[in-house]
Amino acid sequence: MEKLKKIEFLNEYGLKDTWTYKGKRLIKTEFTYPRTNKKKKIMSAKQELFEQIVNQFSILRENNEGTTKTSQARARKAAGEIKKLITPYKKANMAEVK
């Protein structure tokens, strides 16, 4: 009697493939989604807004030192974006505190 042999691997789509052989002959294939117990960390809205503000502030800092019209325009645009982000940041901060 020939032995059954199972081979398991992850395929290119992230699915777990199981191939069952009887001797050298393939008799059955199965695929399943792999089980993952990893919980993804969800960044809070407050932290996301803070990172956007920091990013815009670095753009403001870089372009404020420039002497061309375009660099000054970029600095003004970054300042406007910071202004738009402040109110949602305040709301998210208060919601997190409560």
PDB file of N, CA and C in Angstrom:
ATOM      1  N   MET A   1       0.839  -1.183   0.000  1.00  0.00           N
ATOM      2  CA  MET A   1       0.000   0.000   0.000  1.00  0.00           C
ATOM      3  C   MET A   1       0.881   1.242   0.000  1.00  0.00           C
ATOM      4  N   GLU A   2       0.501   2.220  -0.829  1.00  0.00           N
ATOM      5  CA  GLU A   2       1.284   3.446  -0.938  1.00  0.00           C
ATOM      6  C   GLU A   2       0.909   4.418   0.172  1.00  0.00           C
ATOM      7  N   LYS A   3       1.896   5.190   0.627  1.00  0.00           N
ATOM      8  CA  LYS A   3       1.668   6.125   1.719  1.00  0.00           C
ATOM      9  C   LYS A   3       1.090   7.431   1.197  1.00  0.00           C
ATOM     10  N   LEU A   4       0.267   8.072   2.045  1.00  0.00           N
ATOM     11  CA  LEU A   4      -0.255   9.399   1.740  1.00  0.00           C
ATOM     12  C   LEU A   4       0.731  10.434   2.267  1.00  0.00           C
ATOM     13  N   LYS A   5       1.007  11.418   1.453  1.00  0.00           N
ATOM     14  CA  LYS A   5       1.958  12.457   1.841  1.00  0.00           C
ATOM     15  C   LYS A   5       1.303  13.807   1.586  1.00  0.00           C
ATOM     16  N   LYS A   6       1.330  14.701   2.602  1.00  0.00           N
ATOM     17  CA  LYS A   6       0.745  16.033   2.462  1.00  0.00           C
ATOM     18  C   LYS A   6       1.852  17.070   2.458  1.00  0.00           C
ATOM     19  N   ILE A   7       1.765  17.998   1.518  1.00  0.00           N
ATOM     20  CA  ILE A   7       2.708  19.110   1.439  1.00  0.00           C
ATOM     21  C   ILE A   7       1.898  20.396   1.574  1.00  0.00           C
ATOM     22  N   GLU A   8       2.312  21.274   2.497  1.00  0.00           N
ATOM     23  CA  GLU A   8       1.612  22.539   2.734  1.00  0.00           C
ATOM     24  C   GLU A   8       2.560  23.706   2.452  1.00  0.00           C
ATOM     25  N   PHE A   9       2.040  24.749   1.804  1.00  0.00           N
ATOM     26  CA  PHE A   9       2.821  25.954   1.541  1.00  0.00           C
ATOM     27  C   PHE A   9       1.878  27.115   1.260  1.00  0.00           C
ATOM     28  N   LEU A  10       2.408  28.326   1.307  1.00  0.00           N
ATOM     29  CA  LEU A  10       1.636  29.516   0.955  1.00  0.00           C
ATOM     30  C   LEU A  10       1.848  29.810  -0.519  1.00  0.00           C
ATOM     31  N   ASN A  11       0.757  29.996  -1.244  1.00  0.00           N
ATOM     32  CA  ASN A  11       0.889  30.297  -2.665  1.00  0.00           C
ATOM     33  C   ASN A  11       1.063  31.800  -2.889  1.00  0.00           C
ATOM     34  N   GLU A  12       1.120  32.206  -4.138  1.00  0.00           N
ATOM     35  CA  GLU A  12       1.379  33.605  -4.480  1.00  0.00           C
ATOM     36  C   GLU A  12       0.255  34.547  -4.065  1.00  0.00           C
ATOM     37  N   TYR A  13      -0.924  34.026  -3.762  1.00  0.00           N
ATOM     38  CA  TYR A  13      -2.055  34.851  -3.365  1.00  0.00           C
ATOM     39  C   TYR A  13      -2.232  34.899  -1.847  1.00  0.00           C
ATOM     40  N   GLY A  14      -1.326  34.281  -1.111  1.00  0.00           N
ATOM     41  CA  GLY A  14      -1.401  34.279   0.333  1.00  0.00           C
ATOM     42  C   GLY A  14      -2.300  33.202   0.899  1.00  0.00           C
ATOM     43  N   LEU A  15      -2.750  32.288   0.068  1.00  0.00           N
ATOM     44  CA  LEU A  15      -3.592  31.186   0.537  1.00  0.00           C
ATOM     45  C   LEU A  15      -2.718  29.994   0.908  1.00  0.00           C
ATOM     46  N   LYS A  16      -3.174  29.214   1.863  1.00  0.00           N
ATOM     47  CA  LYS A  16      -2.440  28.028   2.288  1.00  0.00           C
ATOM     48  C   LYS A  16      -2.868  26.856   1.404  1.00  0.00           C
ATOM     49  N   ASP A  17      -1.951  26.341   0.609  1.00  0.00           N
ATOM     50  CA  ASP A  17      -2.224  25.200  -0.266  1.00  0.00           C
ATOM     51  C   ASP A  17      -1.803  23.912   0.428  1.00  0.00           C
ATOM     52  N   THR A  18      -2.623  22.879   0.284  1.00  0.00           N
ATOM     53  CA  THR A  18      -2.294  21.543   0.776  1.00  0.00           C
ATOM     54  C   THR A  18      -2.444  20.573  -0.387  1.00  0.00           C
ATOM     55  N   TRP A  19      -1.340  19.926  -0.738  1.00  0.00           N
ATOM     56  CA  TRP A  19      -1.364  18.941  -1.808  1.00  0.00           C
ATOM     57  C   TRP A  19      -1.186  17.566  -1.173  1.00  0.00           C
ATOM     58  N   THR A  20      -2.074  16.631  -1.541  1.00  0.00           N
ATOM     59  CA  THR A  20      -2.009  15.276  -1.004  1.00  0.00           C
ATOM     60  C   THR A  20      -1.586  14.332  -2.133  1.00  0.00           C
ATOM     61  N   TYR A  21      -0.533  13.578  -1.846  1.00  0.00           N
ATOM     62  CA  TYR A  21      -0.006  12.621  -2.812  1.00  0.00           C
ATOM     63  C   TYR A  21      -0.199  11.202  -2.293  1.00  0.00           C
ATOM     64  N   LYS A  22      -0.473  10.305  -3.215  1.00  0.00           N
ATOM     65  CA  LYS A  22      -0.483   8.874  -2.905  1.00  0.00           C
ATOM     66  C   LYS A  22       0.639   8.285  -3.745  1.00  0.00           C
ATOM     67  N   GLY A  23       1.735   8.008  -3.062  1.00  0.00           N
ATOM     68  CA  GLY A  23       2.938   7.607  -3.791  1.00  0.00           C
ATOM     69  C   GLY A  23       3.491   8.840  -4.503  1.00  0.00           C
ATOM     70  N   LYS A  24       3.590   8.787  -5.824  1.00  0.00           N
ATOM     71  CA  LYS A  24       4.053   9.923  -6.612  1.00  0.00           C
ATOM     72  C   LYS A  24       2.901  10.642  -7.305  1.00  0.00           C
ATOM     73  N   ARG A  25       1.681  10.139  -7.131  1.00  0.00           N
ATOM     74  CA  ARG A  25       0.531  10.684  -7.829  1.00  0.00           C
ATOM     75  C   ARG A  25      -0.229  11.677  -6.949  1.00  0.00           C
ATOM     76  N   LEU A  26      -0.535  12.856  -7.505  1.00  0.00           N
ATOM     77  CA  LEU A  26      -1.310  13.876  -6.810  1.00  0.00           C
ATOM     78  C   LEU A  26      -2.776  13.449  -6.825  1.00  0.00           C
ATOM     79  N   ILE A  27      -3.379  13.359  -5.636  1.00  0.00           N
ATOM     80  CA  ILE A  27      -4.772  12.919  -5.591  1.00  0.00           C
ATOM     81  C   ILE A  27      -5.727  14.010  -5.110  1.00  0.00           C
ATOM     82  N   LYS A  28      -5.232  15.015  -4.383  1.00  0.00           N
ATOM     83  CA  LYS A  28      -6.144  16.028  -3.860  1.00  0.00           C
ATOM     84  C   LYS A  28      -5.384  17.334  -3.620  1.00  0.00           C
ATOM     85  N   THR A  29      -6.041  18.462  -3.949  1.00  0.00           N
ATOM     86  CA  THR A  29      -5.495  19.779  -3.630  1.00  0.00           C
ATOM     87  C   THR A  29      -6.549  20.567  -2.869  1.00  0.00           C
ATOM     88  N   GLU A  30      -6.106  21.323  -1.873  1.00  0.00           N
ATOM     89  CA  GLU A  30      -6.995  22.173  -1.088  1.00  0.00           C
ATOM     90  C   GLU A  30      -6.302  23.496  -0.855  1.00  0.00           C
ATOM     91  N   PHE A  31      -7.095  24.547  -0.720  1.00  0.00           N
ATOM     92  CA  PHE A  31      -6.511  25.809  -0.288  1.00  0.00           C
ATOM     93  C   PHE A  31      -7.413  26.437   0.762  1.00  0.00           C
ATOM     94  N   THR A  32      -6.793  27.081   1.729  1.00  0.00           N
ATOM     95  CA  THR A  32      -7.510  27.744   2.812  1.00  0.00           C
ATOM     96  C   THR A  32      -6.818  29.066   3.113  1.00  0.00           C
ATOM     97  N   TYR A  33      -7.557  29.945   3.743  1.00  0.00           N
ATOM     98  CA  TYR A  33      -6.956  31.188   4.192  1.00  0.00           C
ATOM     99  C   TYR A  33      -6.152  30.905   5.450  1.00  0.00           C
ATOM    100  N   PRO A  34      -4.935  31.422   5.514  1.00  0.00           N
ATOM    101  CA  PRO A  34      -4.152  31.172   6.725  1.00  0.00           C
ATOM    102  C   PRO A  34      -4.748  31.902   7.920  1.00  0.00           C
ATOM    103  N   ARG A  35      -4.664  31.299   9.064  1.00  0.00           N
ATOM    104  CA  ARG A  35      -5.172  31.934  10.283  1.00  0.00           C
ATOM    105  C   ARG A  35      -4.119  32.869  10.825  1.00  0.00           C
ATOM    106  N   THR A  36      -4.561  34.045  11.090  1.00  0.00           N
ATOM    107  CA  THR A  36      -3.648  35.008  11.682  1.00  0.00           C
ATOM    108  C   THR A  36      -4.283  35.555  12.945  1.00  0.00           C
ATOM    109  N   ASN A  37      -3.534  35.550  13.993  1.00  0.00           N
ATOM    110  CA  ASN A  37      -4.011  36.073  15.259  1.00  0.00           C
ATOM    111  C   ASN A  37      -3.446  37.453  15.542  1.00  0.00           C
ATOM    112  N   LYS A  38      -2.748  37.983  14.584  1.00  0.00           N
ATOM    113  CA  LYS A  38      -2.145  39.285  14.780  1.00  0.00           C
ATOM    114  C   LYS A  38      -3.211  40.361  14.666  1.00  0.00           C
ATOM    115  N   LYS A  39      -3.292  41.172  15.684  1.00  0.00           N
ATOM    116  CA  LYS A  39      -4.207  42.293  15.630  1.00  0.00           C
ATOM    117  C   LYS A  39      -3.446  43.490  15.097  1.00  0.00           C
ATOM    118  N   LYS A  40      -3.977  44.085  14.066  1.00  0.00           N
ATOM    119  CA  LYS A  40      -3.334  45.264  13.508  1.00  0.00           C
ATOM    120  C   LYS A  40      -3.592  46.447  14.418  1.00  0.00           C
ATOM    121  N   LYS A  41      -2.540  47.196  14.632  1.00  0.00           N
ATOM    122  CA  LYS A  41      -2.686  48.381  15.460  1.00  0.00           C
ATOM    123  C   LYS A  41      -3.313  49.472  14.606  1.00  0.00           C
ATOM    124  N   ILE A  42      -4.391  49.993  15.093  1.00  0.00           N
ATOM    125  CA  ILE A  42      -5.075  51.060  14.386  1.00  0.00           C
ATOM    126  C   ILE A  42      -4.635  52.371  15.012  1.00  0.00           C
ATOM    127  N   MET A  43      -4.071  53.217  14.159  1.00  0.00           N
ATOM    128  CA  MET A  43      -3.605  54.494  14.654  1.00  0.00           C
ATOM    129  C   MET A  43      -4.813  55.383  14.948  1.00  0.00           C
ATOM    130  N   SER A  44      -4.751  56.075  16.050  1.00  0.00           N
ATOM    131  CA  SER A  44      -5.869  56.927  16.420  1.00  0.00           C
ATOM    132  C   SER A  44      -5.952  58.124  15.469  1.00  0.00           C
ATOM    133  N   ALA A  45      -7.129  58.683  15.379  1.00  0.00           N
ATOM    134  CA  ALA A  45      -7.342  59.837  14.499  1.00  0.00           C
ATOM    135  C   ALA A  45      -6.471  61.000  14.949  1.00  0.00           C
ATOM    136  N   LYS A  46      -6.329  61.144  16.266  1.00  0.00           N
ATOM    137  CA  LYS A  46      -5.507  62.224  16.812  1.00  0.00           C
ATOM    138  C   LYS A  46      -4.060  62.080  16.335  1.00  0.00           C
ATOM    139  N   GLN A  47      -3.521  60.864  16.380  1.00  0.00           N
ATOM    140  CA  GLN A  47      -2.129  60.633  15.977  1.00  0.00           C
ATOM    141  C   GLN A  47      -1.945  60.861  14.477  1.00  0.00           C
ATOM    142  N   GLU A  48      -2.908  60.427  13.673  1.00  0.00           N
ATOM    143  CA  GLU A  48      -2.818  60.647  12.223  1.00  0.00           C
ATOM    144  C   GLU A  48      -2.822  62.136  11.901  1.00  0.00           C
ATOM    145  N   LEU A  49      -3.708  62.884  12.554  1.00  0.00           N
ATOM    146  CA  LEU A  49      -3.756  64.330  12.330  1.00  0.00           C
ATOM    147  C   LEU A  49      -2.465  64.998  12.779  1.00  0.00           C
ATOM    148  N   PHE A  50      -1.928  64.538  13.907  1.00  0.00           N
ATOM    149  CA  PHE A  50      -0.679  65.107  14.402  1.00  0.00           C
ATOM    150  C   PHE A  50       0.453  64.890  13.405  1.00  0.00           C
ATOM    151  N   GLU A  51       0.537  63.687  12.833  1.00  0.00           N
ATOM    152  CA  GLU A  51       1.587  63.404  11.858  1.00  0.00           C
ATOM    153  C   GLU A  51       1.417  64.258  10.603  1.00  0.00           C
ATOM    154  N   GLN A  52       0.173  64.493  10.181  1.00  0.00           N
ATOM    155  CA  GLN A  52      -0.059  65.361   9.026  1.00  0.00           C
ATOM    156  C   GLN A  52       0.376  66.791   9.335  1.00  0.00           C
ATOM    157  N   ILE A  53       0.091  67.255  10.552  1.00  0.00           N
ATOM    158  CA  ILE A  53       0.499  68.609  10.942  1.00  0.00           C
ATOM    159  C   ILE A  53       2.018  68.712  10.950  1.00  0.00           C
ATOM    160  N   VAL A  54       2.697  67.711  11.497  1.00  0.00           N
ATOM    161  CA  VAL A  54       4.167  67.711  11.526  1.00  0.00           C
ATOM    162  C   VAL A  54       4.725  67.727  10.111  1.00  0.00           C
ATOM    163  N   ASN A  55       4.124  66.950   9.220  1.00  0.00           N
ATOM    164  CA  ASN A  55       4.567  66.911   7.827  1.00  0.00           C
ATOM    165  C   ASN A  55       4.400  68.280   7.169  1.00  0.00           C
ATOM    166  N   GLN A  56       3.242  68.903   7.357  1.00  0.00           N
ATOM    167  CA  GLN A  56       3.008  70.222   6.772  1.00  0.00           C
ATOM    168  C   GLN A  56       3.942  71.266   7.378  1.00  0.00           C
ATOM    169  N   PHE A  57       4.243  71.127   8.674  1.00  0.00           N
ATOM    170  CA  PHE A  57       5.133  72.090   9.312  1.00  0.00           C
ATOM    171  C   PHE A  57       6.554  71.974   8.757  1.00  0.00           C
ATOM    172  N   SER A  58       6.993  70.750   8.465  1.00  0.00           N
ATOM    173  CA  SER A  58       8.328  70.591   7.873  1.00  0.00           C
ATOM    174  C   SER A  58       8.371  71.201   6.474  1.00  0.00           C
ATOM    175  N   ILE A  59       7.286  71.077   5.716  1.00  0.00           N
ATOM    176  CA  ILE A  59       7.213  71.727   4.391  1.00  0.00           C
ATOM    177  C   ILE A  59       7.257  73.236   4.554  1.00  0.00           C
ATOM    178  N   LEU A  60       6.529  73.747   5.543  1.00  0.00           N
ATOM    179  CA  LEU A  60       6.529  75.190   5.824  1.00  0.00           C
ATOM    180  C   LEU A  60       7.927  75.668   6.179  1.00  0.00           C
ATOM    181  N   ARG A  61       8.611  74.923   7.034  1.00  0.00           N
ATOM    182  CA  ARG A  61       9.954  75.308   7.460  1.00  0.00           C
ATOM    183  C   ARG A  61      10.924  75.341   6.288  1.00  0.00           C
ATOM    184  N   GLU A  62      10.877  74.316   5.423  1.00  0.00           N
ATOM    185  CA  GLU A  62      11.786  74.251   4.271  1.00  0.00           C
ATOM    186  C   GLU A  62      11.551  75.401   3.303  1.00  0.00           C
ATOM    187  N   ASN A  63      10.287  75.676   3.009  1.00  0.00           N
ATOM    188  CA  ASN A  63       9.981  76.669   1.979  1.00  0.00           C
ATOM    189  C   ASN A  63       9.965  78.098   2.493  1.00  0.00           C
ATOM    190  N   ASN A  64       9.864  78.295   3.787  1.00  0.00           N
ATOM    191  CA  ASN A  64       9.867  79.645   4.339  1.00  0.00           C
ATOM    192  C   ASN A  64      11.227  80.307   4.155  1.00  0.00           C
ATOM    193  N   GLU A  65      12.290  79.513   4.148  1.00  0.00           N
ATOM    194  CA  GLU A  65      13.635  80.043   3.991  1.00  0.00           C
ATOM    195  C   GLU A  65      13.968  80.354   2.533  1.00  0.00           C
ATOM    196  N   GLY A  66      13.168  79.854   1.600  1.00  0.00           N
ATOM    197  CA  GLY A  66      13.418  80.083   0.184  1.00  0.00           C
ATOM    198  C   GLY A  66      13.155  81.522  -0.209  1.00  0.00           C
ATOM    199  N   THR A  67      13.746  81.932  -1.336  1.00  0.00           N
ATOM    200  CA  THR A  67      13.597  83.314  -1.790  1.00  0.00           C
ATOM    201  C   THR A  67      12.757  83.425  -3.056  1.00  0.00           C
ATOM    202  N   THR A  68      12.353  82.305  -3.625  1.00  0.00           N
ATOM    203  CA  THR A  68      11.583  82.367  -4.864  1.00  0.00           C
ATOM    204  C   THR A  68      10.089  82.475  -4.557  1.00  0.00           C
ATOM    205  N   LYS A  69       9.347  82.908  -5.570  1.00  0.00           N
ATOM    206  CA  LYS A  69       7.905  83.040  -5.404  1.00  0.00           C
ATOM    207  C   LYS A  69       7.250  81.676  -5.167  1.00  0.00           C
ATOM    208  N   THR A  70       7.757  80.648  -5.859  1.00  0.00           N
ATOM    209  CA  THR A  70       7.143  79.327  -5.703  1.00  0.00           C
ATOM    210  C   THR A  70       7.376  78.758  -4.306  1.00  0.00           C
ATOM    211  N   SER A  71       8.554  78.987  -3.749  1.00  0.00           N
ATOM    212  CA  SER A  71       8.804  78.472  -2.401  1.00  0.00           C
ATOM    213  C   SER A  71       7.928  79.199  -1.378  1.00  0.00           C
ATOM    214  N   GLN A  72       7.730  80.479  -1.572  1.00  0.00           N
ATOM    215  CA  GLN A  72       6.856  81.231  -0.667  1.00  0.00           C
ATOM    216  C   GLN A  72       5.401  80.786  -0.813  1.00  0.00           C
ATOM    217  N   ALA A  73       5.001  80.467  -2.049  1.00  0.00           N
ATOM    218  CA  ALA A  73       3.640  79.977  -2.277  1.00  0.00           C
ATOM    219  C   ALA A  73       3.440  78.618  -1.595  1.00  0.00           C
ATOM    220  N   ARG A  74       4.466  77.746  -1.679  1.00  0.00           N
ATOM    221  CA  ARG A  74       4.382  76.446  -1.009  1.00  0.00           C
ATOM    222  C   ARG A  74       4.292  76.618   0.504  1.00  0.00           C
ATOM    223  N   ALA A  75       5.022  77.592   1.038  1.00  0.00           N
ATOM    224  CA  ALA A  75       4.985  77.854   2.483  1.00  0.00           C
ATOM    225  C   ALA A  75       3.592  78.329   2.899  1.00  0.00           C
ATOM    226  N   ARG A  76       2.992  79.215   2.114  1.00  0.00           N
ATOM    227  CA  ARG A  76       1.641  79.691   2.433  1.00  0.00           C
ATOM    228  C   ARG A  76       0.631  78.553   2.351  1.00  0.00           C
ATOM    229  N   LYS A  77       0.787  77.691   1.363  1.00  0.00           N
ATOM    230  CA  LYS A  77      -0.126  76.559   1.209  1.00  0.00           C
ATOM    231  C   LYS A  77      -0.007  75.610   2.407  1.00  0.00           C
ATOM    232  N   ALA A  78       1.219  75.347   2.853  1.00  0.00           N
ATOM    233  CA  ALA A  78       1.433  74.476   4.013  1.00  0.00           C
ATOM    234  C   ALA A  78       0.816  75.095   5.263  1.00  0.00           C
ATOM    235  N   ALA A  79       0.945  76.428   5.411  1.00  0.00           N
ATOM    236  CA  ALA A  79       0.359  77.109   6.567  1.00  0.00           C
ATOM    237  C   ALA A  79      -1.167  76.984   6.537  1.00  0.00           C
ATOM    238  N   GLY A  80      -1.746  77.105   5.353  1.00  0.00           N
ATOM    239  CA  GLY A  80      -3.197  76.941   5.215  1.00  0.00           C
ATOM    240  C   GLY A  80      -3.638  75.529   5.565  1.00  0.00           C
ATOM    241  N   GLU A  81      -2.851  74.518   5.157  1.00  0.00           N
ATOM    242  CA  GLU A  81      -3.181  73.124   5.481  1.00  0.00           C
ATOM    243  C   GLU A  81      -3.101  72.889   6.986  1.00  0.00           C
ATOM    244  N   ILE A  82      -2.108  73.490   7.630  1.00  0.00           N
ATOM    245  CA  ILE A  82      -1.997  73.364   9.088  1.00  0.00           C
ATOM    246  C   ILE A  82      -3.236  73.957   9.748  1.00  0.00           C
ATOM    247  N   LYS A  83      -3.659  75.102   9.238  1.00  0.00           N
ATOM    248  CA  LYS A  83      -4.841  75.763   9.788  1.00  0.00           C
ATOM    249  C   LYS A  83      -6.077  74.869   9.665  1.00  0.00           C
ATOM    250  N   LYS A  84      -6.209  74.163   8.530  1.00  0.00           N
ATOM    251  CA  LYS A  84      -7.353  73.269   8.315  1.00  0.00           C
ATOM    252  C   LYS A  84      -7.298  72.038   9.232  1.00  0.00           C
ATOM    253  N   LEU A  85      -6.075  71.601   9.586  1.00  0.00           N
ATOM    254  CA  LEU A  85      -5.920  70.392  10.389  1.00  0.00           C
ATOM    255  C   LEU A  85      -6.065  70.636  11.891  1.00  0.00           C
ATOM    256  N   ILE A  86      -5.907  71.878  12.327  1.00  0.00           N
ATOM    257  CA  ILE A  86      -5.929  72.183  13.757  1.00  0.00           C
ATOM    258  C   ILE A  86      -7.295  71.873  14.385  1.00  0.00           C
ATOM    259  N   THR A  87      -8.385  72.298  13.751  1.00  0.00           N
ATOM    260  CA  THR A  87      -9.714  72.089  14.334  1.00  0.00           C
ATOM    261  C   THR A  87     -10.048  70.601  14.475  1.00  0.00           C
ATOM    262  N   PRO A  88      -9.858  69.769  13.440  1.00  0.00           N
ATOM    263  CA  PRO A  88     -10.124  68.340  13.635  1.00  0.00           C
ATOM    264  C   PRO A  88      -9.216  67.720  14.702  1.00  0.00           C
ATOM    265  N   TYR A  89      -7.979  68.217  14.809  1.00  0.00           N
ATOM    266  CA  TYR A  89      -7.069  67.709  15.836  1.00  0.00           C
ATOM    267  C   TYR A  89      -7.616  68.020  17.231  1.00  0.00           C
ATOM    268  N   LYS A  90      -8.100  69.245  17.403  1.00  0.00           N
ATOM    269  CA  LYS A  90      -8.680  69.622  18.709  1.00  0.00           C
ATOM    270  C   LYS A  90      -9.862  68.724  19.055  1.00  0.00           C
ATOM    271  N   LYS A  91     -10.740  68.472  18.078  1.00  0.00           N
ATOM    272  CA  LYS A  91     -11.910  67.623  18.314  1.00  0.00           C
ATOM    273  C   LYS A  91     -11.508  66.206  18.656  1.00  0.00           C
ATOM    274  N   ALA A  92     -10.529  65.666  17.926  1.00  0.00           N
ATOM    275  CA  ALA A  92     -10.064  64.298  18.181  1.00  0.00           C
ATOM    276  C   ALA A  92      -9.403  64.216  19.548  1.00  0.00           C
ATOM    277  N   ASN A  93      -8.680  65.239  19.923  1.00  0.00           N
ATOM    278  CA  ASN A  93      -8.023  65.278  21.224  1.00  0.00           C
ATOM    279  C   ASN A  93      -9.057  65.269  22.342  1.00  0.00           C
ATOM    280  N   MET A  94     -10.084  66.077  22.223  1.00  0.00           N
ATOM    281  CA  MET A  94     -11.134  66.132  23.244  1.00  0.00           C
ATOM    282  C   MET A  94     -11.910  64.807  23.305  1.00  0.00           C
ATOM    283  N   ALA A  95     -12.153  64.193  22.155  1.00  0.00           N
ATOM    284  CA  ALA A  95     -12.875  62.916  22.136  1.00  0.00           C
ATOM    285  C   ALA A  95     -12.050  61.819  22.793  1.00  0.00           C
ATOM    286  N   GLU A  96     -10.735  61.869  22.638  1.00  0.00           N
ATOM    287  CA  GLU A  96      -9.869  60.870  23.230  1.00  0.00           C
ATOM    288  C   GLU A  96      -9.752  61.053  24.737  1.00  0.00           C
ATOM    289  N   VAL A  97      -9.807  62.301  25.189  1.00  0.00           N
ATOM    290  CA  VAL A  97      -9.697  62.591  26.617  1.00  0.00           C
ATOM    291  C   VAL A  97     -10.941  62.126  27.362  1.00  0.00           C
ATOM    292  N   LYS A  98     -12.102  62.271  26.732  1.00  0.00           N
ATOM    293  CA  LYS A  98     -13.378  61.901  27.390  1.00  0.00           C
ATOM    294  C   LYS A  98     -13.533  60.438  27.582  1.00  0.00           C
TER     295      LYS A  98
END
